[in-house]
Amino acid sequence: MSQTLTIIILLVASIAGSGLIVYALMIGTKRQGALRDAVAARGWRYDRDEGTAGRARVTTISDPNAGWQMEIKVNAATTGSGRTVRSTTWRAANAGISQGLAIIGPSMSAEKAERAETMLGKLGGGMGGFVMGRLFGDLGPEAARLEAVDLPGAHGLLMATPEAQAALVPVATHPALANSAGLLPGGALPVIRRSDRGLEISLRAALSRPEEVLALADLGETLRQALPES
């Protein structure tokens, strides 16, 4: 291959790559505008931090009247695997519990749940917390005290510390949780937790489509209203 032909191929590849980048930016800008409009139509607040100087890009959506907030993060710093960290968390700080931790994660068989519980007990606080963190995100020091809760009709694996066994029971069996799979992006299974931080729904994905963001906000509000007054 001649040097001239090599240069031409590289130029064409560079132009094509630049075109794809411009197209992606245009799509991103269009979605931002659509999301901002959808949020404004609901009377909610929209804020965006572009995350310069190595900080995560964070979009914050909130409803001050209802008392919830959603953070959509794209971390510019990559993990050891070389992948960008993306997450979405809906939180109602006023729907927490005073003690303990309860979580709902993806379903697994009773045998696997029992095995996970046994493993946590054997590994102890530090390693047990690390294992649960890999599965469900950062759960704090309470992770190693989690026990599987046998709840017929639960839409997922329910685990809780001894004092928080009933904290997520109304949520775990709620029909809205079963229907959420068709509303959220594929593979972005929600993890729900309740602690002194409030009620939280977390996804390992950065939502950008207005319909997905609205669906998560509606799911959070529906599940919060299912909880008894504390």
C-alpha atoms as a PDB file:
ATOM      1  CA  MET A   1       0.000   0.000   0.000  1.00  0.00           C
ATOM      2  CA  SER A   2       1.422   3.381  -1.007  1.00  0.00           C
ATOM      3  CA  GLN A   3       2.006   6.158   1.495  1.00  0.00           C
ATOM      4  CA  THR A   4      -0.522   8.387  -0.297  1.00  0.00           C
ATOM      5  CA  LEU A   5      -3.264   5.745  -0.080  1.00  0.00           C
ATOM      6  CA  THR A   6      -2.515   5.205   3.614  1.00  0.00           C
ATOM      7  CA  ILE A   7      -2.864   8.917   4.289  1.00  0.00           C
ATOM      8  CA  ILE A   8      -6.184   9.049   2.416  1.00  0.00           C
ATOM      9  CA  ILE A   9      -7.558   6.098   4.397  1.00  0.00           C
ATOM     10  CA  LEU A  10      -6.514   7.714   7.682  1.00  0.00           C
ATOM     11  CA  LEU A  11      -8.129  11.006   6.688  1.00  0.00           C
ATOM     12  CA  VAL A  12     -11.394   9.308   5.730  1.00  0.00           C
ATOM     13  CA  ALA A  13     -11.400   7.364   9.011  1.00  0.00           C
ATOM     14  CA  SER A  14     -10.730  10.556  10.950  1.00  0.00           C
ATOM     15  CA  ILE A  15     -13.560  12.416   9.208  1.00  0.00           C
ATOM     16  CA  ALA A  16     -15.973   9.514   9.790  1.00  0.00           C
ATOM     17  CA  GLY A  17     -14.999   9.357  13.458  1.00  0.00           C
ATOM     18  CA  SER A  18     -15.487  13.088  13.874  1.00  0.00           C
ATOM     19  CA  GLY A  19     -18.890  12.806  12.229  1.00  0.00           C
ATOM     20  CA  LEU A  20     -19.969  10.128  14.684  1.00  0.00           C
ATOM     21  CA  ILE A  21     -18.815  12.245  17.621  1.00  0.00           C
ATOM     22  CA  VAL A  22     -20.744  15.283  16.340  1.00  0.00           C
ATOM     23  CA  TYR A  23     -23.840  13.117  15.807  1.00  0.00           C
ATOM     24  CA  ALA A  24     -23.592  11.696  19.337  1.00  0.00           C
ATOM     25  CA  LEU A  25     -23.258  15.206  20.781  1.00  0.00           C
ATOM     26  CA  MET A  26     -26.306  16.363  18.816  1.00  0.00           C
ATOM     27  CA  ILE A  27     -28.367  13.434  20.097  1.00  0.00           C
ATOM     28  CA  GLY A  28     -27.179  14.108  23.656  1.00  0.00           C
ATOM     29  CA  THR A  29     -28.068  17.797  23.439  1.00  0.00           C
ATOM     30  CA  LYS A  30     -31.498  16.986  21.998  1.00  0.00           C
ATOM     31  CA  ARG A  31     -32.213  14.530  24.825  1.00  0.00           C
ATOM     32  CA  GLN A  32     -31.077  17.060  27.424  1.00  0.00           C
ATOM     33  CA  GLY A  33     -33.519  19.584  26.032  1.00  0.00           C
ATOM     34  CA  ALA A  34     -36.360  17.062  25.939  1.00  0.00           C
ATOM     35  CA  LEU A  35     -35.615  15.973  29.501  1.00  0.00           C
ATOM     36  CA  ARG A  36     -35.477  19.564  30.731  1.00  0.00           C
ATOM     37  CA  ASP A  37     -38.861  20.254  29.099  1.00  0.00           C
ATOM     38  CA  ALA A  38     -40.405  17.079  30.588  1.00  0.00           C
ATOM     39  CA  VAL A  39     -39.148  17.988  34.052  1.00  0.00           C
ATOM     40  CA  ALA A  40     -40.436  21.554  33.761  1.00  0.00           C
ATOM     41  CA  ALA A  41     -43.850  20.257  32.667  1.00  0.00           C
ATOM     42  CA  ARG A  42     -44.076  18.335  35.954  1.00  0.00           C
ATOM     43  CA  GLY A  43     -43.108  21.415  37.959  1.00  0.00           C
ATOM     44  CA  TRP A  44     -39.839  19.843  39.091  1.00  0.00           C
ATOM     45  CA  ARG A  45     -36.354  21.312  39.302  1.00  0.00           C
ATOM     46  CA  TYR A  46     -33.552  20.506  36.829  1.00  0.00           C
ATOM     47  CA  ASP A  47     -29.855  21.181  37.484  1.00  0.00           C
ATOM     48  CA  ARG A  48     -26.787  20.013  35.569  1.00  0.00           C
ATOM     49  CA  ASP A  49     -23.109  20.072  36.528  1.00  0.00           C
ATOM     50  CA  GLU A  50     -20.938  19.311  33.505  1.00  0.00           C
ATOM     51  CA  GLY A  51     -18.186  17.918  35.716  1.00  0.00           C
ATOM     52  CA  THR A  52     -15.113  19.752  34.506  1.00  0.00           C
ATOM     53  CA  ALA A  53     -11.624  19.118  35.935  1.00  0.00           C
ATOM     54  CA  GLY A  54     -12.153  15.371  36.263  1.00  0.00           C
ATOM     55  CA  ARG A  55     -15.363  15.564  38.299  1.00  0.00           C
ATOM     56  CA  ALA A  56     -18.411  13.450  37.489  1.00  0.00           C
ATOM     57  CA  ARG A  57     -21.083  14.941  35.245  1.00  0.00           C
ATOM     58  CA  VAL A  58     -24.212  15.093  37.396  1.00  0.00           C
ATOM     59  CA  THR A  59     -27.799  15.835  36.423  1.00  0.00           C
ATOM     60  CA  THR A  60     -30.034  16.481  39.445  1.00  0.00           C
ATOM     61  CA  ILE A  61     -33.822  16.366  39.223  1.00  0.00           C
ATOM     62  CA  SER A  62     -35.925  17.077  42.282  1.00  0.00           C
ATOM     63  CA  ASP A  63     -39.420  17.773  43.499  1.00  0.00           C
ATOM     64  CA  PRO A  64     -39.066  20.062  46.534  1.00  0.00           C
ATOM     65  CA  ASN A  65     -42.753  19.698  47.390  1.00  0.00           C
ATOM     66  CA  ALA A  66     -42.638  15.890  47.516  1.00  0.00           C
ATOM     67  CA  GLY A  67     -39.157  15.817  49.030  1.00  0.00           C
ATOM     68  CA  TRP A  68     -37.351  13.495  46.598  1.00  0.00           C
ATOM     69  CA  GLN A  69     -34.241  13.917  44.458  1.00  0.00           C
ATOM     70  CA  MET A  70     -32.734  12.000  41.547  1.00  0.00           C
ATOM     71  CA  GLU A  71     -29.029  12.076  40.653  1.00  0.00           C
ATOM     72  CA  ILE A  72     -27.824  10.875  37.255  1.00  0.00           C
ATOM     73  CA  LYS A  73     -24.033  10.501  37.219  1.00  0.00           C
ATOM     74  CA  VAL A  74     -21.457   9.831  34.529  1.00  0.00           C
ATOM     75  CA  ASN A  75     -18.057   9.640  36.178  1.00  0.00           C
ATOM     76  CA  ALA A  76     -15.228  10.887  33.999  1.00  0.00           C
ATOM     77  CA  ALA A  77     -12.776   8.853  36.076  1.00  0.00           C
ATOM     78  CA  THR A  78     -12.807   5.196  35.011  1.00  0.00           C
ATOM     79  CA  THR A  79     -12.689   2.108  37.185  1.00  0.00           C
ATOM     80  CA  GLY A  80      -9.886  -0.452  37.165  1.00  0.00           C
ATOM     81  CA  SER A  81     -11.750  -2.208  34.349  1.00  0.00           C
ATOM     82  CA  GLY A  82     -11.365   0.872  32.171  1.00  0.00           C
ATOM     83  CA  ARG A  83     -15.114   1.502  31.969  1.00  0.00           C
ATOM     84  CA  THR A  84     -16.874   4.763  32.768  1.00  0.00           C
ATOM     85  CA  VAL A  85     -19.021   4.559  35.901  1.00  0.00           C
ATOM     86  CA  ARG A  86     -22.679   5.407  35.229  1.00  0.00           C
ATOM     87  CA  SER A  87     -25.461   5.472  37.808  1.00  0.00           C
ATOM     88  CA  THR A  88     -28.913   6.845  38.601  1.00  0.00           C
ATOM     89  CA  THR A  89     -30.249   7.137  42.153  1.00  0.00           C
ATOM     90  CA  TRP A  90     -33.714   8.278  43.235  1.00  0.00           C
ATOM     91  CA  ARG A  91     -33.899   9.135  46.956  1.00  0.00           C
ATOM     92  CA  ALA A  92     -36.640  10.256  49.340  1.00  0.00           C
ATOM     93  CA  ALA A  93     -34.786  11.291  52.486  1.00  0.00           C
ATOM     94  CA  ASN A  94     -38.049  11.601  54.440  1.00  0.00           C
ATOM     95  CA  ALA A  95     -38.952   7.918  53.978  1.00  0.00           C
ATOM     96  CA  GLY A  96     -36.131   6.344  55.976  1.00  0.00           C
ATOM     97  CA  ILE A  97     -35.940   4.224  59.127  1.00  0.00           C
ATOM     98  CA  SER A  98     -34.123   5.067  62.322  1.00  0.00           C
ATOM     99  CA  GLN A  99     -32.078   1.856  62.549  1.00  0.00           C
ATOM    100  CA  GLY A 100     -30.840  -0.909  60.296  1.00  0.00           C
ATOM    101  CA  LEU A 101     -30.884  -1.565  56.560  1.00  0.00           C
ATOM    102  CA  ALA A 102     -33.217  -3.386  54.169  1.00  0.00           C
ATOM    103  CA  ILE A 103     -32.555  -3.992  50.461  1.00  0.00           C
ATOM    104  CA  ILE A 104     -34.300  -5.548  47.483  1.00  0.00           C
ATOM    105  CA  GLY A 105     -32.119  -6.877  44.684  1.00  0.00           C
ATOM    106  CA  PRO A 106     -32.512  -9.143  41.661  1.00  0.00           C
ATOM    107  CA  SER A 107     -34.316 -12.399  42.340  1.00  0.00           C
ATOM    108  CA  MET A 108     -32.426 -15.594  43.146  1.00  0.00           C
ATOM    109  CA  SER A 109     -33.434 -19.018  44.346  1.00  0.00           C
ATOM    110  CA  ALA A 110     -33.890 -19.725  48.059  1.00  0.00           C
ATOM    111  CA  GLU A 111     -30.802 -21.927  47.934  1.00  0.00           C
ATOM    112  CA  LYS A 112     -28.644 -19.152  46.467  1.00  0.00           C
ATOM    113  CA  ALA A 113     -30.025 -16.597  48.928  1.00  0.00           C
ATOM    114  CA  GLU A 114     -29.177 -18.885  51.848  1.00  0.00           C
ATOM    115  CA  ARG A 115     -25.710 -19.441  50.410  1.00  0.00           C
ATOM    116  CA  ALA A 116     -25.164 -15.689  50.091  1.00  0.00           C
ATOM    117  CA  GLU A 117     -26.265 -15.147  53.683  1.00  0.00           C
ATOM    118  CA  THR A 118     -23.929 -17.907  54.928  1.00  0.00           C
ATOM    119  CA  MET A 119     -21.063 -16.473  52.911  1.00  0.00           C
ATOM    120  CA  LEU A 120     -21.567 -13.028  54.442  1.00  0.00           C
ATOM    121  CA  GLY A 121     -21.447 -14.483  57.939  1.00  0.00           C
ATOM    122  CA  LYS A 122     -18.250 -16.378  57.243  1.00  0.00           C
ATOM    123  CA  LEU A 123     -16.492 -13.513  55.490  1.00  0.00           C
ATOM    124  CA  GLY A 124     -17.105 -11.008  58.268  1.00  0.00           C
ATOM    125  CA  GLY A 125     -17.739  -7.283  58.106  1.00  0.00           C
ATOM    126  CA  GLY A 126     -15.029  -6.027  55.751  1.00  0.00           C
ATOM    127  CA  MET A 127     -15.024  -8.754  53.113  1.00  0.00           C
ATOM    128  CA  GLY A 128     -18.759  -9.380  53.452  1.00  0.00           C
ATOM    129  CA  GLY A 129     -19.430  -5.711  52.837  1.00  0.00           C
ATOM    130  CA  PHE A 130     -17.138  -5.791  49.796  1.00  0.00           C
ATOM    131  CA  VAL A 131     -18.996  -8.746  48.271  1.00  0.00           C
ATOM    132  CA  MET A 132     -22.408  -7.151  48.847  1.00  0.00           C
ATOM    133  CA  GLY A 133     -21.084  -3.864  47.500  1.00  0.00           C
ATOM    134  CA  ARG A 134     -20.160  -5.552  44.234  1.00  0.00           C
ATOM    135  CA  LEU A 135     -23.680  -6.953  43.943  1.00  0.00           C
ATOM    136  CA  PHE A 136     -25.797  -4.085  45.257  1.00  0.00           C
ATOM    137  CA  GLY A 137     -23.582  -0.995  45.480  1.00  0.00           C
ATOM    138  CA  ASP A 138     -22.123   0.581  48.605  1.00  0.00           C
ATOM    139  CA  LEU A 139     -24.269  -0.562  51.545  1.00  0.00           C
ATOM    140  CA  GLY A 140     -22.088   0.728  54.373  1.00  0.00           C
ATOM    141  CA  PRO A 141     -21.124  -1.116  57.561  1.00  0.00           C
ATOM    142  CA  GLU A 142     -24.522  -2.827  57.884  1.00  0.00           C
ATOM    143  CA  ALA A 143     -23.930  -5.059  54.841  1.00  0.00           C
ATOM    144  CA  ALA A 144     -22.458  -8.001  56.755  1.00  0.00           C
ATOM    145  CA  ARG A 145     -25.509  -8.158  59.088  1.00  0.00           C
ATOM    146  CA  LEU A 146     -27.996  -8.663  56.270  1.00  0.00           C
ATOM    147  CA  GLU A 147     -30.167 -11.782  56.355  1.00  0.00           C
ATOM    148  CA  ALA A 148     -32.455 -13.141  53.659  1.00  0.00           C
ATOM    149  CA  VAL A 149     -36.151 -12.512  54.393  1.00  0.00           C
ATOM    150  CA  ASP A 150     -38.556 -15.209  53.212  1.00  0.00           C
ATOM    151  CA  LEU A 151     -41.491 -13.287  51.759  1.00  0.00           C
ATOM    152  CA  PRO A 152     -43.941 -15.062  49.424  1.00  0.00           C
ATOM    153  CA  GLY A 153     -44.796 -12.912  46.423  1.00  0.00           C
ATOM    154  CA  ALA A 154     -41.688 -10.721  46.681  1.00  0.00           C
ATOM    155  CA  HIS A 155     -40.489  -9.264  43.368  1.00  0.00           C
ATOM    156  CA  GLY A 156     -36.797  -9.756  44.047  1.00  0.00           C
ATOM    157  CA  LEU A 157     -34.450 -10.856  46.804  1.00  0.00           C
ATOM    158  CA  LEU A 158     -35.312  -9.160  50.100  1.00  0.00           C
ATOM    159  CA  MET A 159     -32.540  -8.913  52.691  1.00  0.00           C
ATOM    160  CA  ALA A 160     -32.508  -6.948  55.939  1.00  0.00           C
ATOM    161  CA  THR A 161     -30.727  -6.533  59.238  1.00  0.00           C
ATOM    162  CA  PRO A 162     -32.667  -8.072  62.176  1.00  0.00           C
ATOM    163  CA  GLU A 163     -34.268  -4.792  63.285  1.00  0.00           C
ATOM    164  CA  ALA A 164     -35.393  -3.869  59.740  1.00  0.00           C
ATOM    165  CA  GLN A 165     -37.095  -7.090  58.623  1.00  0.00           C
ATOM    166  CA  ALA A 166     -40.408  -5.359  57.884  1.00  0.00           C
ATOM    167  CA  ALA A 167     -39.003  -2.102  56.455  1.00  0.00           C
ATOM    168  CA  LEU A 168     -39.490  -2.989  52.756  1.00  0.00           C
ATOM    169  CA  VAL A 169     -42.223  -5.630  52.909  1.00  0.00           C
ATOM    170  CA  PRO A 170     -44.918  -3.382  51.295  1.00  0.00           C
ATOM    171  CA  VAL A 171     -42.467  -2.451  48.537  1.00  0.00           C
ATOM    172  CA  ALA A 172     -41.223  -5.973  47.829  1.00  0.00           C
ATOM    173  CA  THR A 173     -44.710  -7.234  46.991  1.00  0.00           C
ATOM    174  CA  HIS A 174     -45.978  -4.106  45.195  1.00  0.00           C
ATOM    175  CA  PRO A 175     -47.194  -4.652  41.591  1.00  0.00           C
ATOM    176  CA  ALA A 176     -45.373  -1.503  40.416  1.00  0.00           C
ATOM    177  CA  LEU A 177     -42.045  -3.156  41.160  1.00  0.00           C
ATOM    178  CA  ALA A 178     -42.925  -6.156  39.013  1.00  0.00           C
ATOM    179  CA  ASN A 179     -43.921  -3.833  36.128  1.00  0.00           C
ATOM    180  CA  SER A 180     -40.756  -1.701  36.308  1.00  0.00           C
ATOM    181  CA  ALA A 181     -38.708  -4.054  34.106  1.00  0.00           C
ATOM    182  CA  GLY A 182     -40.568  -2.919  31.002  1.00  0.00           C
ATOM    183  CA  LEU A 183     -40.133   0.784  31.794  1.00  0.00           C
ATOM    184  CA  LEU A 184     -36.406   0.939  32.553  1.00  0.00           C
ATOM    185  CA  PRO A 185     -33.499   0.162  30.192  1.00  0.00           C
ATOM    186  CA  GLY A 186     -32.584  -3.495  29.732  1.00  0.00           C
ATOM    187  CA  GLY A 187     -29.996  -4.770  32.169  1.00  0.00           C
ATOM    188  CA  ALA A 188     -30.448  -1.823  34.544  1.00  0.00           C
ATOM    189  CA  LEU A 189     -32.028  -3.838  37.358  1.00  0.00           C
ATOM    190  CA  PRO A 190     -33.012  -1.549  40.237  1.00  0.00           C
ATOM    191  CA  VAL A 191     -31.662  -2.051  43.741  1.00  0.00           C
ATOM    192  CA  ILE A 192     -33.948  -0.657  46.431  1.00  0.00           C
ATOM    193  CA  ARG A 193     -32.730   0.130  49.931  1.00  0.00           C
ATOM    194  CA  ARG A 194     -34.195   1.706  53.046  1.00  0.00           C
ATOM    195  CA  SER A 195     -32.034   3.036  55.859  1.00  0.00           C
ATOM    196  CA  ASP A 196     -31.507   6.206  57.853  1.00  0.00           C
ATOM    197  CA  ARG A 197     -30.612   7.857  54.515  1.00  0.00           C
ATOM    198  CA  GLY A 198     -34.166   7.354  53.294  1.00  0.00           C
ATOM    199  CA  LEU A 199     -35.754   5.231  50.577  1.00  0.00           C
ATOM    200  CA  GLU A 200     -33.451   4.798  47.562  1.00  0.00           C
ATOM    201  CA  ILE A 201     -33.767   3.212  44.127  1.00  0.00           C
ATOM    202  CA  SER A 202     -30.441   2.773  42.321  1.00  0.00           C
ATOM    203  CA  LEU A 203     -29.550   1.754  38.778  1.00  0.00           C
ATOM    204  CA  ARG A 204     -26.145   1.028  37.267  1.00  0.00           C
ATOM    205  CA  ALA A 205     -27.030   3.156  34.257  1.00  0.00           C
ATOM    206  CA  ALA A 206     -27.244   6.878  33.557  1.00  0.00           C
ATOM    207  CA  LEU A 207     -30.807   7.498  32.402  1.00  0.00           C
ATOM    208  CA  SER A 208     -31.132  10.047  29.609  1.00  0.00           C
ATOM    209  CA  ARG A 209     -34.476   9.389  27.919  1.00  0.00           C
ATOM    210  CA  PRO A 210     -37.299  11.502  29.409  1.00  0.00           C
ATOM    211  CA  GLU A 211     -39.708   8.551  29.534  1.00  0.00           C
ATOM    212  CA  GLU A 212     -37.234   6.485  31.583  1.00  0.00           C
ATOM    213  CA  VAL A 213     -36.514   9.311  34.022  1.00  0.00           C
ATOM    214  CA  LEU A 214     -40.224   9.971  34.519  1.00  0.00           C
ATOM    215  CA  ALA A 215     -40.868   6.241  34.960  1.00  0.00           C
ATOM    216  CA  LEU A 216     -38.247   5.983  37.708  1.00  0.00           C
ATOM    217  CA  ALA A 217     -39.604   9.072  39.474  1.00  0.00           C
ATOM    218  CA  ASP A 218     -43.156   7.695  39.318  1.00  0.00           C
ATOM    219  CA  LEU A 219     -41.956   4.297  40.568  1.00  0.00           C
ATOM    220  CA  GLY A 220     -40.184   5.895  43.515  1.00  0.00           C
ATOM    221  CA  GLU A 221     -43.198   7.977  44.497  1.00  0.00           C
ATOM    222  CA  THR A 222     -45.540   4.992  44.154  1.00  0.00           C
ATOM    223  CA  LEU A 223     -43.351   2.779  46.326  1.00  0.00           C
ATOM    224  CA  ARG A 224     -42.890   5.507  48.927  1.00  0.00           C
ATOM    225  CA  GLN A 225     -46.641   5.960  49.235  1.00  0.00           C
ATOM    226  CA  ALA A 226     -46.956   2.202  49.852  1.00  0.00           C
ATOM    227  CA  LEU A 227     -44.902   2.511  53.035  1.00  0.00           C
ATOM    228  CA  PRO A 228     -46.727   3.013  56.339  1.00  0.00           C
ATOM    229  CA  GLU A 229     -46.233   6.306  58.164  1.00  0.00           C
ATOM    230  CA  SER A 230     -43.105   6.040  60.355  1.00  0.00           C
END
